[in-house]
């Protein structure tokens, strides 16, 4: 059983100081979230200011939540939809021409439930070029979504999905080749 009294956040886990983290969260809650829908360049600027790598002509909606932008990379022409959460306790790399649809949740960390101190662990998530995650998709730590693949609405992805395939379900599985 876990004993949370013994939990300790690993040194440097956030990648920045607590003050820097809080400053980002304040900027995200105000300038980022209150910006007009069409202010895509402004939101990309804010993310870059805090260390994210954001490509050309990205569409990032103001209701998206990015935990630690310095652990996020978003490729050219990619779209991040309304209410998407990039829970970037670990690195999240999103390729070019990728669509992450509304209410999707990419979670790049978990806890080791086998240890009493319940240590937090991060694992990178990679969404390769031209992939589409439909609405309300959950992606777990350490998963790669293959190039040109489609993940169907409300799918839960617990293992990597291959390139060029349509995948769906909970747990997510390959259904057919993407035409």
Protein backbone atom coordinates (compact mmCIF):
# COMPACT_ATOMS: atom_id res chain seq x y z
CA UNK A 1 0.00 0.00 0.00
CA UNK A 2 1.16 3.51 -0.64
CA UNK A 3 2.32 5.73 2.18
CA UNK A 4 2.12 9.28 0.83
CA UNK A 5 3.87 10.64 3.90
CA UNK A 6 7.07 9.29 2.35
CA UNK A 7 6.44 10.72 -1.15
CA UNK A 8 9.16 13.06 -2.44
CA UNK A 9 9.18 14.85 -5.76
CA UNK A 10 12.47 13.94 -7.48
CA UNK A 11 15.02 16.74 -7.61
CA UNK A 12 14.58 18.79 -10.79
CA UNK A 13 11.43 16.89 -11.82
CA UNK A 14 9.60 20.03 -12.93
CA UNK A 15 12.58 21.18 -14.97
CA UNK A 16 12.29 24.75 -13.63
CA UNK A 17 12.02 26.43 -10.24
CA UNK A 18 8.71 26.57 -8.39
CA UNK A 19 8.63 30.35 -8.92
CA UNK A 20 9.00 29.88 -12.70
CA UNK A 21 6.28 27.20 -12.69
CA UNK A 22 3.91 29.48 -10.78
CA UNK A 23 4.67 32.38 -13.14
CA UNK A 24 3.76 30.18 -16.12
CA UNK A 25 0.54 29.04 -14.44
CA UNK A 26 -0.38 32.69 -13.79
CA UNK A 27 0.34 33.67 -17.40
CA UNK A 28 -1.61 30.66 -18.66
CA UNK A 29 -4.63 31.50 -16.46
CA UNK A 30 -4.69 35.13 -17.60
CA UNK A 31 -2.97 36.17 -20.82
CA UNK A 32 -3.12 32.77 -22.52
CA UNK A 33 -6.65 31.75 -21.53
CA UNK A 34 -8.21 35.20 -21.95
CA UNK A 35 -6.72 35.81 -25.39
CA UNK A 36 -9.15 35.96 -28.35
CA UNK A 37 -9.76 32.71 -30.27
CA UNK A 38 -7.87 34.03 -33.32
CA UNK A 39 -4.71 34.99 -31.33
CA UNK A 40 -2.82 31.83 -32.31
CA UNK A 41 0.50 33.64 -32.84
CA UNK A 42 0.20 35.31 -29.43
CA UNK A 43 -0.34 32.00 -27.62
CA UNK A 44 2.55 30.42 -29.57
CA UNK A 45 4.67 33.40 -28.50
CA UNK A 46 3.76 32.87 -24.83
CA UNK A 47 4.59 29.18 -25.05
CA UNK A 48 7.94 29.92 -26.71
CA UNK A 49 8.65 32.54 -24.06
CA UNK A 50 8.38 29.76 -21.48
CA UNK A 51 10.56 27.31 -23.42
CA UNK A 52 8.17 25.38 -25.67
CA UNK A 53 9.23 24.61 -29.22
CA UNK A 54 6.27 25.67 -31.35
CA UNK A 55 6.32 25.41 -35.14
CA UNK A 56 4.91 27.64 -37.84
CA UNK A 57 1.19 28.40 -38.17
CA UNK A 58 0.06 26.28 -35.25
CA UNK A 59 -3.50 26.53 -33.99
CA UNK A 60 -3.57 26.35 -30.21
CA UNK A 61 -6.92 27.13 -28.62
CA UNK A 62 -7.02 29.37 -25.52
CA UNK A 63 -8.69 26.67 -23.42
CA UNK A 64 -5.79 24.24 -23.93
CA UNK A 65 -3.79 23.51 -20.76
CA UNK A 66 -0.05 22.95 -20.93
CA UNK A 67 1.49 22.03 -17.58
CA UNK A 68 5.18 22.67 -18.33
CA UNK A 69 5.72 24.29 -21.76
CA UNK A 70 9.48 23.77 -21.58
CA UNK A 71 8.77 20.04 -21.94
CA UNK A 72 6.57 20.45 -25.05
CA UNK A 73 7.35 20.49 -28.76
CA UNK A 74 4.63 21.14 -31.37
CA UNK A 75 5.43 20.90 -35.10
CA UNK A 76 4.45 23.15 -37.98
CA UNK A 77 0.75 23.47 -38.93
CA UNK A 78 -0.49 21.39 -35.99
CA UNK A 79 -3.76 22.02 -34.16
CA UNK A 80 -4.34 21.74 -30.41
CA UNK A 81 -8.10 21.85 -29.75
CA UNK A 82 -10.34 23.24 -27.05
CA UNK A 83 -9.87 21.82 -23.55
CA UNK A 84 -6.91 19.66 -24.59
CA UNK A 85 -4.58 18.89 -21.68
CA UNK A 86 -0.88 18.38 -22.33
CA UNK A 87 0.04 17.08 -18.89
CA UNK A 88 3.71 17.52 -19.64
CA UNK A 89 5.34 16.23 -16.47
CA UNK A 90 7.46 14.38 -19.03
CA UNK A 91 8.31 15.43 -22.58
CA UNK A 92 5.53 15.59 -25.14
CA UNK A 93 6.51 15.83 -28.80
CA UNK A 94 3.77 16.54 -31.34
CA UNK A 95 4.84 16.38 -34.98
CA UNK A 96 3.84 18.50 -37.97
CA UNK A 97 0.29 18.54 -39.39
CA UNK A 98 -1.09 16.81 -36.30
CA UNK A 99 -4.60 17.34 -34.94
CA UNK A 100 -5.22 16.85 -31.22
CA UNK A 101 -9.00 17.29 -30.99
CA UNK A 102 -11.02 18.81 -28.17
CA UNK A 103 -10.90 17.35 -24.67
CA UNK A 104 -8.03 14.98 -25.42
CA UNK A 105 -5.61 14.34 -22.56
CA UNK A 106 -1.94 13.44 -23.02
CA UNK A 107 -0.46 12.30 -19.69
CA UNK A 108 3.34 11.97 -19.64
CA UNK A 109 3.77 10.71 -16.06
CA UNK A 110 2.46 8.19 -13.58
CA UNK A 111 3.29 6.77 -10.16
CA UNK A 112 4.90 3.43 -9.33
CA UNK A 113 2.09 1.86 -7.33
CA UNK A 114 4.33 -1.09 -6.38
CA UNK A 115 6.46 1.10 -4.11
CA UNK A 116 5.22 2.39 -0.77
CA UNK A 117 6.52 5.92 -1.35
CA UNK A 118 4.46 6.09 -4.62
CA UNK A 119 7.27 7.70 -6.67
CA UNK A 120 6.32 9.79 -9.68
CA UNK A 121 7.84 8.81 -13.02
CA UNK A 122 7.82 10.53 -16.39
CA UNK A 123 7.78 8.88 -19.81
CA UNK A 124 7.76 10.77 -23.12
CA UNK A 125 4.77 10.85 -25.43
CA UNK A 126 5.34 11.18 -29.17
CA UNK A 127 2.62 11.94 -31.70
CA UNK A 128 4.20 11.59 -35.12
CA UNK A 129 3.49 13.75 -38.20
CA UNK A 130 0.01 13.77 -39.74
CA UNK A 131 -1.66 11.84 -36.93
CA UNK A 132 -5.16 12.74 -35.77
CA UNK A 133 -6.41 12.15 -32.24
CA UNK A 134 -10.20 12.58 -32.36
CA UNK A 135 -12.21 14.05 -29.50
CA UNK A 136 -11.64 12.97 -25.90
CA UNK A 137 -8.69 10.62 -26.50
CA UNK A 138 -6.52 9.63 -23.50
CA UNK A 139 -2.83 8.89 -24.20
CA UNK A 140 -0.82 7.30 -21.39
CA UNK A 141 2.86 7.81 -20.53
CA UNK A 142 5.45 6.37 -22.89
CA UNK A 143 3.14 5.99 -25.90
CA UNK A 144 4.03 6.77 -29.52
CA UNK A 145 1.24 7.44 -32.00
CA UNK A 146 2.53 6.47 -35.44
CA UNK A 147 2.81 8.71 -38.50
CA UNK A 148 -0.46 9.27 -40.38
CA UNK A 149 -2.55 7.28 -37.90
CA UNK A 150 -6.04 8.07 -36.62
CA UNK A 151 -7.12 7.46 -33.04
CA UNK A 152 -10.92 7.30 -32.77
CA UNK A 153 -13.03 9.40 -30.43
CA UNK A 154 -12.97 8.48 -26.74
CA UNK A 155 -10.19 5.94 -27.18
CA UNK A 156 -7.77 5.14 -24.35
CA UNK A 157 -4.26 4.53 -25.67
CA UNK A 158 -2.11 2.49 -23.27
CA UNK A 159 0.44 1.19 -25.79
CA UNK A 160 2.03 2.59 -28.93
CA UNK A 161 -0.04 2.56 -32.12
CA UNK A 162 1.50 1.85 -35.55
CA UNK A 163 1.81 4.26 -38.48
CA UNK A 164 -0.88 4.57 -41.14
CA UNK A 165 -3.65 2.83 -39.21
CA UNK A 166 -7.09 3.67 -37.84
CA UNK A 167 -7.19 2.69 -34.19
CA UNK A 168 -9.95 2.94 -31.59
CA UNK A 169 -11.38 1.60 -28.39
CA UNK A 170 -10.55 1.27 -24.76
CA UNK A 171 -8.02 -0.15 -24.73
CA UNK A 172 -7.15 1.23 -28.16
CA UNK A 173 -6.47 -1.32 -30.89
CA UNK A 174 -5.81 -1.31 -34.64
CA UNK A 175 -9.01 -1.52 -36.69
CA UNK A 176 -7.90 -0.99 -40.28
CA UNK A 177 -5.43 0.74 -42.56
CA UNK A 178 -5.91 4.48 -43.07
CA UNK A 179 -6.97 5.04 -46.69
